[in-house]
């Protein structure tokens, strides 16, 4: 059973925490800055992972049982806002932010923030909620006349307002920016470097199914003196529909072998689990100082758990 939580807006988080997350000695997670946490885990060469979720699944609260991830719990949870319609929803009525507030005393939470139609007033309202961690993205769409045209501008503003009391993550793009017809790898790294200089503390890469491209991206970052921790973003589709959604949303280039797959969901899931494990192994054995991954779950947790089981078999995850 998932314990309901009353909400004045009608949203009731459907989350079951693991015993260690409920322990009073380990519950001050809302004070944990992910930048420092990720840096420390990376320095200790400890494998860690996070999961990205959204507040709703099929218009119902997303149910998440952390016990299903034991013995190794996620180091953090990332809360995404899906759809450009979020720009005018009052902050107090935003289900993702309600879910983030519900979880942040039990696990570090990374709230997403898009520049799409973001006003200074609305950004101040978000910052006043005192989330400890935020992932700032420009987003694929730009509205004419919006205050913040680039993610860097919003990073600078947020850093100025919250000083060191805010840990800021930024996206990285191993295959370039989605929906950008001109993708210059050198310029892309320069833009990323500007975001780090503005206040970004860590990078989460967009989904990419080529370990070679990810490794090249990491090397390009380091050669450009971008030294902050990099977390590898991973999505493990479990159906034909979902891997086409991945391509449409992220622009990720799917492996050629996908064309030879049957429409059988089990075959598709096994293919992407095996591919994910192989890519993680390639990246980790390249000795690039990478220790963390983030699963873009689409609120489907079985593929994540299958990958974790395989990583334990390979002794990558203890």
C-alpha atoms as a PDB file:
ATOM      1  CA  UNK A   1       0.000   0.000   0.000  1.00  0.00           C
ATOM      2  CA  UNK A   2       1.183   3.518  -0.811  1.00  0.00           C
ATOM      3  CA  UNK A   3       0.423   6.081   1.910  1.00  0.00           C
ATOM      4  CA  UNK A   4      -1.640   8.987   0.552  1.00  0.00           C
ATOM      5  CA  UNK A   5      -0.735  12.572   1.363  1.00  0.00           C
ATOM      6  CA  UNK A   6      -3.455  15.187   1.493  1.00  0.00           C
ATOM      7  CA  UNK A   7      -3.042  18.101  -0.903  1.00  0.00           C
ATOM      8  CA  UNK A   8      -5.207  21.180  -1.216  1.00  0.00           C
ATOM      9  CA  UNK A   9      -4.896  21.011  -5.003  1.00  0.00           C
ATOM     10  CA  UNK A  10      -6.103  17.406  -5.145  1.00  0.00           C
ATOM     11  CA  UNK A  11      -2.699  15.864  -5.878  1.00  0.00           C
ATOM     12  CA  UNK A  12      -1.773  13.025  -3.535  1.00  0.00           C
ATOM     13  CA  UNK A  13       1.827  11.778  -3.884  1.00  0.00           C
ATOM     14  CA  UNK A  14       2.034   8.004  -4.215  1.00  0.00           C
ATOM     15  CA  UNK A  15       5.480   7.272  -2.777  1.00  0.00           C
ATOM     16  CA  UNK A  16       6.706   4.535  -0.454  1.00  0.00           C
ATOM     17  CA  UNK A  17      10.091   5.211   1.117  1.00  0.00           C
ATOM     18  CA  UNK A  18      12.680   2.633   2.156  1.00  0.00           C
ATOM     19  CA  UNK A  19      13.411   2.269   5.904  1.00  0.00           C
ATOM     20  CA  UNK A  20      16.730   4.126   5.677  1.00  0.00           C
ATOM     21  CA  UNK A  21      14.963   7.055   4.019  1.00  0.00           C
ATOM     22  CA  UNK A  22      12.548   7.258   6.936  1.00  0.00           C
ATOM     23  CA  UNK A  23      15.274   7.144   9.586  1.00  0.00           C
ATOM     24  CA  UNK A  24      15.503  10.461  11.427  1.00  0.00           C
ATOM     25  CA  UNK A  25      19.313  10.260  11.365  1.00  0.00           C
ATOM     26  CA  UNK A  26      19.368  10.252   7.555  1.00  0.00           C
ATOM     27  CA  UNK A  27      16.465  12.542   6.704  1.00  0.00           C
ATOM     28  CA  UNK A  28      18.084  15.955   6.329  1.00  0.00           C
ATOM     29  CA  UNK A  29      18.412  15.401   2.605  1.00  0.00           C
ATOM     30  CA  UNK A  30      16.844  18.776   1.762  1.00  0.00           C
ATOM     31  CA  UNK A  31      20.128  20.352   2.932  1.00  0.00           C
ATOM     32  CA  UNK A  32      22.254  18.284   0.548  1.00  0.00           C
ATOM     33  CA  UNK A  33      23.635  20.075  -2.496  1.00  0.00           C
ATOM     34  CA  UNK A  34      23.919  17.630  -5.372  1.00  0.00           C
ATOM     35  CA  UNK A  35      27.026  19.334  -6.724  1.00  0.00           C
ATOM     36  CA  UNK A  36      28.976  18.498  -3.569  1.00  0.00           C
ATOM     37  CA  UNK A  37      27.397  15.043  -3.232  1.00  0.00           C
ATOM     38  CA  UNK A  38      28.225  14.097  -6.819  1.00  0.00           C
ATOM     39  CA  UNK A  39      31.742  15.474  -6.529  1.00  0.00           C
ATOM     40  CA  UNK A  40      32.378  13.467  -3.345  1.00  0.00           C
ATOM     41  CA  UNK A  41      30.966  10.212  -4.752  1.00  0.00           C
ATOM     42  CA  UNK A  42      33.014  10.662  -7.910  1.00  0.00           C
ATOM     43  CA  UNK A  43      36.195  11.370  -5.933  1.00  0.00           C
ATOM     44  CA  UNK A  44      35.616   8.187  -3.898  1.00  0.00           C
ATOM     45  CA  UNK A  45      35.050   6.254  -7.141  1.00  0.00           C
ATOM     46  CA  UNK A  46      31.652   5.073  -5.911  1.00  0.00           C
ATOM     47  CA  UNK A  47      29.055   4.138  -8.503  1.00  0.00           C
ATOM     48  CA  UNK A  48      25.801   6.050  -8.034  1.00  0.00           C
ATOM     49  CA  UNK A  49      22.640   6.678  -9.981  1.00  0.00           C
ATOM     50  CA  UNK A  50      19.604   8.915 -10.008  1.00  0.00           C
ATOM     51  CA  UNK A  51      16.153   8.490 -11.502  1.00  0.00           C
ATOM     52  CA  UNK A  52      14.136  11.068 -13.399  1.00  0.00           C
ATOM     53  CA  UNK A  53      10.376  10.878 -12.975  1.00  0.00           C
ATOM     54  CA  UNK A  54       7.314  13.008 -13.601  1.00  0.00           C
ATOM     55  CA  UNK A  55       4.461  13.567 -11.176  1.00  0.00           C
ATOM     56  CA  UNK A  56       1.749  11.941 -13.287  1.00  0.00           C
ATOM     57  CA  UNK A  57       1.390   8.661 -15.138  1.00  0.00           C
ATOM     58  CA  UNK A  58      -1.663   8.433 -17.399  1.00  0.00           C
ATOM     59  CA  UNK A  59      -3.161  11.418 -15.521  1.00  0.00           C
ATOM     60  CA  UNK A  60      -2.772   9.671 -12.173  1.00  0.00           C
ATOM     61  CA  UNK A  61      -0.120  10.259  -9.484  1.00  0.00           C
ATOM     62  CA  UNK A  62       3.030   8.312 -10.295  1.00  0.00           C
ATOM     63  CA  UNK A  63       3.508   5.500  -7.781  1.00  0.00           C
ATOM     64  CA  UNK A  64       7.114   4.951  -6.734  1.00  0.00           C
ATOM     65  CA  UNK A  65       8.285   2.343  -4.213  1.00  0.00           C
ATOM     66  CA  UNK A  66      11.929   2.896  -3.309  1.00  0.00           C
ATOM     67  CA  UNK A  67      12.105  -0.546  -1.688  1.00  0.00           C
ATOM     68  CA  UNK A  68      12.057  -2.035  -5.188  1.00  0.00           C
ATOM     69  CA  UNK A  69      15.495  -0.488  -5.819  1.00  0.00           C
ATOM     70  CA  UNK A  70      17.158  -2.064  -2.800  1.00  0.00           C
ATOM     71  CA  UNK A  71      19.867  -2.895  -1.935  1.00  0.00           C
ATOM     72  CA  UNK A  72      21.192   0.213  -3.714  1.00  0.00           C
ATOM     73  CA  UNK A  73      18.883   3.203  -3.550  1.00  0.00           C
ATOM     74  CA  UNK A  74      19.053   6.126  -5.982  1.00  0.00           C
ATOM     75  CA  UNK A  75      21.324   8.938  -4.829  1.00  0.00           C
ATOM     76  CA  UNK A  76      18.751  11.478  -6.009  1.00  0.00           C
ATOM     77  CA  UNK A  77      15.438  11.905  -7.807  1.00  0.00           C
ATOM     78  CA  UNK A  78      14.996  14.320 -10.686  1.00  0.00           C
ATOM     79  CA  UNK A  79      11.536  15.862 -11.229  1.00  0.00           C
ATOM     80  CA  UNK A  80      10.738  16.862 -14.799  1.00  0.00           C
ATOM     81  CA  UNK A  81       7.931  19.114 -15.996  1.00  0.00           C
ATOM     82  CA  UNK A  82       6.575  17.745 -19.247  1.00  0.00           C
ATOM     83  CA  UNK A  83       5.007  19.982 -21.866  1.00  0.00           C
ATOM     84  CA  UNK A  84       5.240  23.693 -22.623  1.00  0.00           C
ATOM     85  CA  UNK A  85       1.837  24.262 -20.972  1.00  0.00           C
ATOM     86  CA  UNK A  86       3.552  24.389 -17.578  1.00  0.00           C
ATOM     87  CA  UNK A  87       4.650  27.974 -18.106  1.00  0.00           C
ATOM     88  CA  UNK A  88       1.431  29.500 -16.735  1.00  0.00           C
ATOM     89  CA  UNK A  89       0.474  26.965 -14.055  1.00  0.00           C
ATOM     90  CA  UNK A  90       0.712  28.594 -10.602  1.00  0.00           C
ATOM     91  CA  UNK A  91       3.710  27.266  -8.695  1.00  0.00           C
ATOM     92  CA  UNK A  92       1.558  26.070  -5.808  1.00  0.00           C
ATOM     93  CA  UNK A  93      -0.555  24.019  -8.226  1.00  0.00           C
ATOM     94  CA  UNK A  94       2.381  22.397  -9.993  1.00  0.00           C
ATOM     95  CA  UNK A  95       2.224  18.685  -9.244  1.00  0.00           C
ATOM     96  CA  UNK A  96       5.932  18.143  -9.877  1.00  0.00           C
ATOM     97  CA  UNK A  97       6.858  20.755  -7.284  1.00  0.00           C
ATOM     98  CA  UNK A  98       4.375  19.294  -4.806  1.00  0.00           C
ATOM     99  CA  UNK A  99       5.934  15.878  -5.284  1.00  0.00           C
ATOM    100  CA  UNK A 100       9.414  17.375  -4.943  1.00  0.00           C
ATOM    101  CA  UNK A 101       8.500  18.974  -1.617  1.00  0.00           C
ATOM    102  CA  UNK A 102       7.032  15.694  -0.414  1.00  0.00           C
ATOM    103  CA  UNK A 103      10.217  13.759  -1.190  1.00  0.00           C
ATOM    104  CA  UNK A 104      12.997  16.218  -0.371  1.00  0.00           C
ATOM    105  CA  UNK A 105      13.177  15.293   3.331  1.00  0.00           C
ATOM    106  CA  UNK A 106      13.856  11.674   2.375  1.00  0.00           C
ATOM    107  CA  UNK A 107      16.072  11.872  -0.716  1.00  0.00           C
ATOM    108  CA  UNK A 108      17.890  14.693  -2.534  1.00  0.00           C
ATOM    109  CA  UNK A 109      15.577  16.138  -5.180  1.00  0.00           C
ATOM    110  CA  UNK A 110      16.585  17.834  -8.420  1.00  0.00           C
ATOM    111  CA  UNK A 111      13.793  20.094  -9.673  1.00  0.00           C
ATOM    112  CA  UNK A 112      13.781  20.987 -13.370  1.00  0.00           C
ATOM    113  CA  UNK A 113      13.381  24.562 -14.560  1.00  0.00           C
ATOM    114  CA  UNK A 114      12.847  25.561 -18.184  1.00  0.00           C
ATOM    115  CA  UNK A 115      13.450  29.019 -19.637  1.00  0.00           C
ATOM    116  CA  UNK A 116      10.333  28.728 -21.806  1.00  0.00           C
ATOM    117  CA  UNK A 117       8.241  31.889 -21.181  1.00  0.00           C
ATOM    118  CA  UNK A 118       9.915  32.254 -17.790  1.00  0.00           C
ATOM    119  CA  UNK A 119       9.482  35.690 -16.237  1.00  0.00           C
ATOM    120  CA  UNK A 120      11.650  37.235 -13.556  1.00  0.00           C
ATOM    121  CA  UNK A 121       8.668  37.248 -11.198  1.00  0.00           C
ATOM    122  CA  UNK A 122       7.942  33.570 -11.776  1.00  0.00           C
ATOM    123  CA  UNK A 123      11.597  32.631 -11.380  1.00  0.00           C
ATOM    124  CA  UNK A 124      11.723  34.530  -8.088  1.00  0.00           C
ATOM    125  CA  UNK A 125       8.630  32.624  -6.977  1.00  0.00           C
ATOM    126  CA  UNK A 126      10.358  29.334  -7.758  1.00  0.00           C
ATOM    127  CA  UNK A 127      13.587  30.339  -6.019  1.00  0.00           C
ATOM    128  CA  UNK A 128      11.611  31.388  -2.935  1.00  0.00           C
ATOM    129  CA  UNK A 129      10.508  27.768  -2.508  1.00  0.00           C
ATOM    130  CA  UNK A 130      14.112  27.083  -1.445  1.00  0.00           C
ATOM    131  CA  UNK A 131      14.744  23.906  -3.371  1.00  0.00           C
ATOM    132  CA  UNK A 132      18.366  22.990  -2.757  1.00  0.00           C
ATOM    133  CA  UNK A 133      18.968  21.647  -6.274  1.00  0.00           C
ATOM    134  CA  UNK A 134      17.806  22.607  -9.745  1.00  0.00           C
ATOM    135  CA  UNK A 135      18.482  21.518 -13.323  1.00  0.00           C
ATOM    136  CA  UNK A 136      18.222  24.594 -15.555  1.00  0.00           C
ATOM    137  CA  UNK A 137      17.464  24.035 -19.242  1.00  0.00           C
ATOM    138  CA  UNK A 138      16.578  26.375 -22.068  1.00  0.00           C
ATOM    139  CA  UNK A 139      14.069  23.951 -23.539  1.00  0.00           C
ATOM    140  CA  UNK A 140      13.349  23.180 -27.191  1.00  0.00           C
ATOM    141  CA  UNK A 141      10.850  26.008 -27.652  1.00  0.00           C
ATOM    142  CA  UNK A 142      11.455  29.763 -27.395  1.00  0.00           C
ATOM    143  CA  UNK A 143       8.561  32.225 -27.144  1.00  0.00           C
ATOM    144  CA  UNK A 144       8.996  35.613 -28.764  1.00  0.00           C
ATOM    145  CA  UNK A 145       9.925  38.193 -26.150  1.00  0.00           C
ATOM    146  CA  UNK A 146      10.541  35.770 -23.280  1.00  0.00           C
ATOM    147  CA  UNK A 147      12.816  37.137 -20.543  1.00  0.00           C
ATOM    148  CA  UNK A 148      15.488  34.439 -20.643  1.00  0.00           C
ATOM    149  CA  UNK A 149      16.565  33.409 -24.139  1.00  0.00           C
ATOM    150  CA  UNK A 150      19.410  31.164 -23.006  1.00  0.00           C
ATOM    151  CA  UNK A 151      19.841  28.817 -20.079  1.00  0.00           C
ATOM    152  CA  UNK A 152      23.024  30.676 -19.140  1.00  0.00           C
ATOM    153  CA  UNK A 153      21.033  33.842 -18.397  1.00  0.00           C
ATOM    154  CA  UNK A 154      18.752  31.992 -16.014  1.00  0.00           C
ATOM    155  CA  UNK A 155      21.715  30.281 -14.338  1.00  0.00           C
ATOM    156  CA  UNK A 156      23.372  33.660 -13.747  1.00  0.00           C
ATOM    157  CA  UNK A 157      20.188  35.114 -12.289  1.00  0.00           C
ATOM    158  CA  UNK A 158      19.497  32.126 -10.033  1.00  0.00           C
ATOM    159  CA  UNK A 159      23.079  32.094  -8.777  1.00  0.00           C
ATOM    160  CA  UNK A 160      22.935  35.819  -8.028  1.00  0.00           C
ATOM    161  CA  UNK A 161      19.712  35.420  -6.048  1.00  0.00           C
ATOM    162  CA  UNK A 162      20.518  32.269  -4.084  1.00  0.00           C
ATOM    163  CA  UNK A 163      24.332  32.478  -3.911  1.00  0.00           C
ATOM    164  CA  UNK A 164      25.854  29.197  -2.705  1.00  0.00           C
ATOM    165  CA  UNK A 165      22.538  27.962  -1.298  1.00  0.00           C
ATOM    166  CA  UNK A 166      21.562  26.495  -4.648  1.00  0.00           C
ATOM    167  CA  UNK A 167      23.230  23.629  -6.504  1.00  0.00           C
ATOM    168  CA  UNK A 168      22.730  23.998 -10.251  1.00  0.00           C
ATOM    169  CA  UNK A 169      22.944  21.250 -12.847  1.00  0.00           C
ATOM    170  CA  UNK A 170      23.068  21.829 -16.598  1.00  0.00           C
ATOM    171  CA  UNK A 171      22.414  19.568 -19.595  1.00  0.00           C
ATOM    172  CA  UNK A 172      25.088  18.256 -21.949  1.00  0.00           C
ATOM    173  CA  UNK A 173      24.516  17.074 -25.509  1.00  0.00           C
ATOM    174  CA  UNK A 174      26.810  14.340 -26.871  1.00  0.00           C
ATOM    175  CA  UNK A 175      24.933  14.409 -30.191  1.00  0.00           C
ATOM    176  CA  UNK A 176      24.347  18.167 -30.283  1.00  0.00           C
ATOM    177  CA  UNK A 177      21.264  20.232 -29.547  1.00  0.00           C
ATOM    178  CA  UNK A 178      17.951  18.700 -30.547  1.00  0.00           C
ATOM    179  CA  UNK A 179      16.051  20.714 -33.199  1.00  0.00           C
ATOM    180  CA  UNK A 180      19.103  22.838 -33.941  1.00  0.00           C
ATOM    181  CA  UNK A 181      19.947  22.549 -37.662  1.00  0.00           C
ATOM    182  CA  UNK A 182      23.476  23.848 -37.036  1.00  0.00           C
ATOM    183  CA  UNK A 183      25.409  21.729 -34.566  1.00  0.00           C
ATOM    184  CA  UNK A 184      29.024  22.711 -34.150  1.00  0.00           C
ATOM    185  CA  UNK A 185      30.657  20.509 -31.470  1.00  0.00           C
ATOM    186  CA  UNK A 186      33.200  23.216 -30.647  1.00  0.00           C
ATOM    187  CA  UNK A 187      30.490  25.848 -30.175  1.00  0.00           C
ATOM    188  CA  UNK A 188      28.357  23.429 -28.167  1.00  0.00           C
ATOM    189  CA  UNK A 189      31.201  22.854 -25.715  1.00  0.00           C
ATOM    190  CA  UNK A 190      31.792  26.617 -25.541  1.00  0.00           C
ATOM    191  CA  UNK A 191      28.132  27.197 -24.645  1.00  0.00           C
ATOM    192  CA  UNK A 192      28.396  24.483 -22.006  1.00  0.00           C
ATOM    193  CA  UNK A 193      31.530  26.083 -20.605  1.00  0.00           C
ATOM    194  CA  UNK A 194      29.672  29.406 -20.330  1.00  0.00           C
ATOM    195  CA  UNK A 195      26.918  27.709 -18.319  1.00  0.00           C
ATOM    196  CA  UNK A 196      29.493  26.280 -15.935  1.00  0.00           C
ATOM    197  CA  UNK A 197      31.154  29.680 -15.578  1.00  0.00           C
ATOM    198  CA  UNK A 198      27.734  31.174 -14.830  1.00  0.00           C
ATOM    199  CA  UNK A 199      27.230  28.800 -11.906  1.00  0.00           C
ATOM    200  CA  UNK A 200      26.598  25.257 -13.140  1.00  0.00           C
ATOM    201  CA  UNK A 201      28.118  22.620 -10.846  1.00  0.00           C
ATOM    202  CA  UNK A 202      27.492  19.368 -12.713  1.00  0.00           C
ATOM    203  CA  UNK A 203      26.380  18.109 -16.114  1.00  0.00           C
ATOM    204  CA  UNK A 204      23.723  15.526 -17.002  1.00  0.00           C
ATOM    205  CA  UNK A 205      23.970  14.333 -20.587  1.00  0.00           C
ATOM    206  CA  UNK A 206      21.032  13.928 -22.920  1.00  0.00           C
ATOM    207  CA  UNK A 207      20.189  10.373 -23.957  1.00  0.00           C
ATOM    208  CA  UNK A 208      22.718   8.920 -26.380  1.00  0.00           C
ATOM    209  CA  UNK A 209      22.986   5.281 -27.436  1.00  0.00           C
ATOM    210  CA  UNK A 210      26.588   5.464 -28.654  1.00  0.00           C
ATOM    211  CA  UNK A 211      29.248   4.985 -25.997  1.00  0.00           C
ATOM    212  CA  UNK A 212      31.846   6.297 -28.468  1.00  0.00           C
ATOM    213  CA  UNK A 213      30.004   9.612 -28.839  1.00  0.00           C
ATOM    214  CA  UNK A 214      29.603   9.933 -25.077  1.00  0.00           C
ATOM    215  CA  UNK A 215      33.288   9.236 -24.509  1.00  0.00           C
ATOM    216  CA  UNK A 216      34.198  11.800 -27.181  1.00  0.00           C
ATOM    217  CA  UNK A 217      31.907  14.356 -25.520  1.00  0.00           C
ATOM    218  CA  UNK A 218      33.554  13.784 -22.140  1.00  0.00           C
ATOM    219  CA  UNK A 219      37.016  14.116 -23.664  1.00  0.00           C
ATOM    220  CA  UNK A 220      35.969  17.319 -25.454  1.00  0.00           C
ATOM    221  CA  UNK A 221      34.721  18.739 -22.151  1.00  0.00           C
ATOM    222  CA  UNK A 222      37.949  17.947 -20.344  1.00  0.00           C
ATOM    223  CA  UNK A 223      40.086  19.339 -23.169  1.00  0.00           C
ATOM    224  CA  UNK A 224      38.067  22.576 -22.904  1.00  0.00           C
ATOM    225  CA  UNK A 225      38.810  22.651 -19.156  1.00  0.00           C
ATOM    226  CA  UNK A 226      35.238  21.784 -18.198  1.00  0.00           C
ATOM    227  CA  UNK A 227      36.128  19.856 -15.058  1.00  0.00           C
ATOM    228  CA  UNK A 228      32.816  19.543 -13.191  1.00  0.00           C
ATOM    229  CA  UNK A 229      31.344  16.044 -12.692  1.00  0.00           C
ATOM    230  CA  UNK A 230      29.454  14.565 -15.629  1.00  0.00           C
ATOM    231  CA  UNK A 231      26.507  12.213 -15.125  1.00  0.00           C
ATOM    232  CA  UNK A 232      25.505  10.023 -18.058  1.00  0.00           C
ATOM    233  CA  UNK A 233      21.823  10.247 -18.963  1.00  0.00           C
ATOM    234  CA  UNK A 234      20.257   6.939 -20.006  1.00  0.00           C
ATOM    235  CA  UNK A 235      16.823   5.907 -21.234  1.00  0.00           C
ATOM    236  CA  UNK A 236      15.854   2.234 -21.517  1.00  0.00           C
ATOM    237  CA  UNK A 237      12.732   1.901 -23.723  1.00  0.00           C
ATOM    238  CA  UNK A 238      10.561  -1.136 -23.133  1.00  0.00           C
ATOM    239  CA  UNK A 239       8.313  -0.978 -26.200  1.00  0.00           C
ATOM    240  CA  UNK A 240       8.220   0.113 -29.837  1.00  0.00           C
ATOM    241  CA  UNK A 241       6.114   3.104 -28.876  1.00  0.00           C
ATOM    242  CA  UNK A 242       8.521   4.233 -26.185  1.00  0.00           C
ATOM    243  CA  UNK A 243      11.658   4.073 -28.274  1.00  0.00           C
ATOM    244  CA  UNK A 244       9.976   6.202 -30.926  1.00  0.00           C
ATOM    245  CA  UNK A 245       8.977   8.651 -28.187  1.00  0.00           C
ATOM    246  CA  UNK A 246      12.632   8.754 -27.136  1.00  0.00           C
ATOM    247  CA  UNK A 247      13.687   9.664 -30.656  1.00  0.00           C
ATOM    248  CA  UNK A 248      11.011  12.333 -31.094  1.00  0.00           C
ATOM    249  CA  UNK A 249      11.617  14.016 -27.726  1.00  0.00           C
ATOM    250  CA  UNK A 250      15.394  13.875 -27.514  1.00  0.00           C
ATOM    251  CA  UNK A 251      16.565  13.459 -31.089  1.00  0.00           C
ATOM    252  CA  UNK A 252      18.690  10.515 -29.932  1.00  0.00           C
ATOM    253  CA  UNK A 253      19.947   8.460 -32.847  1.00  0.00           C
ATOM    254  CA  UNK A 254      18.785   4.928 -32.302  1.00  0.00           C
ATOM    255  CA  UNK A 255      21.129   2.027 -33.125  1.00  0.00           C
ATOM    256  CA  UNK A 256      20.735   0.466 -36.566  1.00  0.00           C
ATOM    257  CA  UNK A 257      19.999  -2.870 -34.899  1.00  0.00           C
ATOM    258  CA  UNK A 258      16.643  -1.446 -33.796  1.00  0.00           C
ATOM    259  CA  UNK A 259      15.371  -1.894 -37.347  1.00  0.00           C
ATOM    260  CA  UNK A 260      15.896  -5.645 -37.042  1.00  0.00           C
ATOM    261  CA  UNK A 261      13.970  -6.009 -33.791  1.00  0.00           C
ATOM    262  CA  UNK A 262      10.611  -7.694 -33.598  1.00  0.00           C
ATOM    263  CA  UNK A 263       7.687  -5.797 -32.105  1.00  0.00           C
ATOM    264  CA  UNK A 264       7.791  -8.146 -29.127  1.00  0.00           C
ATOM    265  CA  UNK A 265       8.121  -5.996 -26.003  1.00  0.00           C
ATOM    266  CA  UNK A 266      10.371  -8.508 -24.220  1.00  0.00           C
ATOM    267  CA  UNK A 267      12.818  -8.544 -27.143  1.00  0.00           C
ATOM    268  CA  UNK A 268      12.914  -4.754 -27.251  1.00  0.00           C
ATOM    269  CA  UNK A 269      13.436  -4.475 -23.512  1.00  0.00           C
ATOM    270  CA  UNK A 270      16.237  -7.066 -23.530  1.00  0.00           C
ATOM    271  CA  UNK A 271      17.955  -5.303 -26.424  1.00  0.00           C
ATOM    272  CA  UNK A 272      17.983  -1.926 -24.674  1.00  0.00           C
ATOM    273  CA  UNK A 273      18.967  -3.384 -21.302  1.00  0.00           C
ATOM    274  CA  UNK A 274      21.921  -5.160 -22.932  1.00  0.00           C
ATOM    275  CA  UNK A 275      22.856  -2.033 -24.909  1.00  0.00           C
ATOM    276  CA  UNK A 276      22.673   0.151 -21.801  1.00  0.00           C
ATOM    277  CA  UNK A 277      24.841  -2.192 -19.756  1.00  0.00           C
ATOM    278  CA  UNK A 278      27.378  -2.419 -22.580  1.00  0.00           C
ATOM    279  CA  UNK A 279      27.543   1.370 -22.925  1.00  0.00           C
ATOM    280  CA  UNK A 280      27.943   1.882 -19.175  1.00  0.00           C
ATOM    281  CA  UNK A 281      30.734  -0.688 -19.098  1.00  0.00           C
ATOM    282  CA  UNK A 282      32.473   0.986 -22.061  1.00  0.00           C
ATOM    283  CA  UNK A 283      32.295   4.418 -20.443  1.00  0.00           C
ATOM    284  CA  UNK A 284      33.387   3.282 -16.996  1.00  0.00           C
ATOM    285  CA  UNK A 285      36.312   1.234 -18.306  1.00  0.00           C
ATOM    286  CA  UNK A 286      37.530   4.219 -20.352  1.00  0.00           C
ATOM    287  CA  UNK A 287      38.856   5.672 -17.076  1.00  0.00           C
ATOM    288  CA  UNK A 288      37.348   9.107 -17.611  1.00  0.00           C
ATOM    289  CA  UNK A 289      36.384   9.658 -13.985  1.00  0.00           C
ATOM    290  CA  UNK A 290      32.700   8.925 -14.590  1.00  0.00           C
ATOM    291  CA  UNK A 291      30.873   7.288 -11.682  1.00  0.00           C
ATOM    292  CA  UNK A 292      27.232   8.323 -12.030  1.00  0.00           C
ATOM    293  CA  UNK A 293      24.286   7.780 -14.335  1.00  0.00           C
ATOM    294  CA  UNK A 294      20.764   9.131 -14.444  1.00  0.00           C
ATOM    295  CA  UNK A 295      17.916   7.018 -15.737  1.00  0.00           C
ATOM    296  CA  UNK A 296      15.236   8.895 -17.674  1.00  0.00           C
ATOM    297  CA  UNK A 297      12.539   6.473 -16.549  1.00  0.00           C
ATOM    298  CA  UNK A 298       9.358   7.772 -18.201  1.00  0.00           C
ATOM    299  CA  UNK A 299       7.907   6.419 -14.919  1.00  0.00           C
ATOM    300  CA  UNK A 300       8.769   2.860 -15.975  1.00  0.00           C
ATOM    301  CA  UNK A 301      11.001   1.397 -13.306  1.00  0.00           C
ATOM    302  CA  UNK A 302      11.378  -2.268 -14.286  1.00  0.00           C
ATOM    303  CA  UNK A 303      13.964  -1.522 -17.029  1.00  0.00           C
ATOM    304  CA  UNK A 304      16.037   0.440 -14.509  1.00  0.00           C
ATOM    305  CA  UNK A 305      15.961  -2.420 -12.033  1.00  0.00           C
ATOM    306  CA  UNK A 306      16.956  -4.892 -14.760  1.00  0.00           C
ATOM    307  CA  UNK A 307      19.982  -2.753 -15.676  1.00  0.00           C
ATOM    308  CA  UNK A 308      20.973  -2.474 -12.013  1.00  0.00           C
ATOM    309  CA  UNK A 309      20.774  -6.264 -11.649  1.00  0.00           C
ATOM    310  CA  UNK A 310      23.091  -6.708 -14.641  1.00  0.00           C
ATOM    311  CA  UNK A 311      25.532  -4.133 -13.254  1.00  0.00           C
ATOM    312  CA  UNK A 312      25.668  -6.091  -9.994  1.00  0.00           C
ATOM    313  CA  UNK A 313      26.448  -9.249 -11.934  1.00  0.00           C
ATOM    314  CA  UNK A 314      29.345  -7.418 -13.594  1.00  0.00           C
ATOM    315  CA  UNK A 315      30.515  -6.069 -10.200  1.00  0.00           C
ATOM    316  CA  UNK A 316      30.138  -2.493 -11.461  1.00  0.00           C
ATOM    317  CA  UNK A 317      27.489  -2.032  -8.791  1.00  0.00           C
ATOM    318  CA  UNK A 318      28.258  -3.643  -5.449  1.00  0.00           C
END
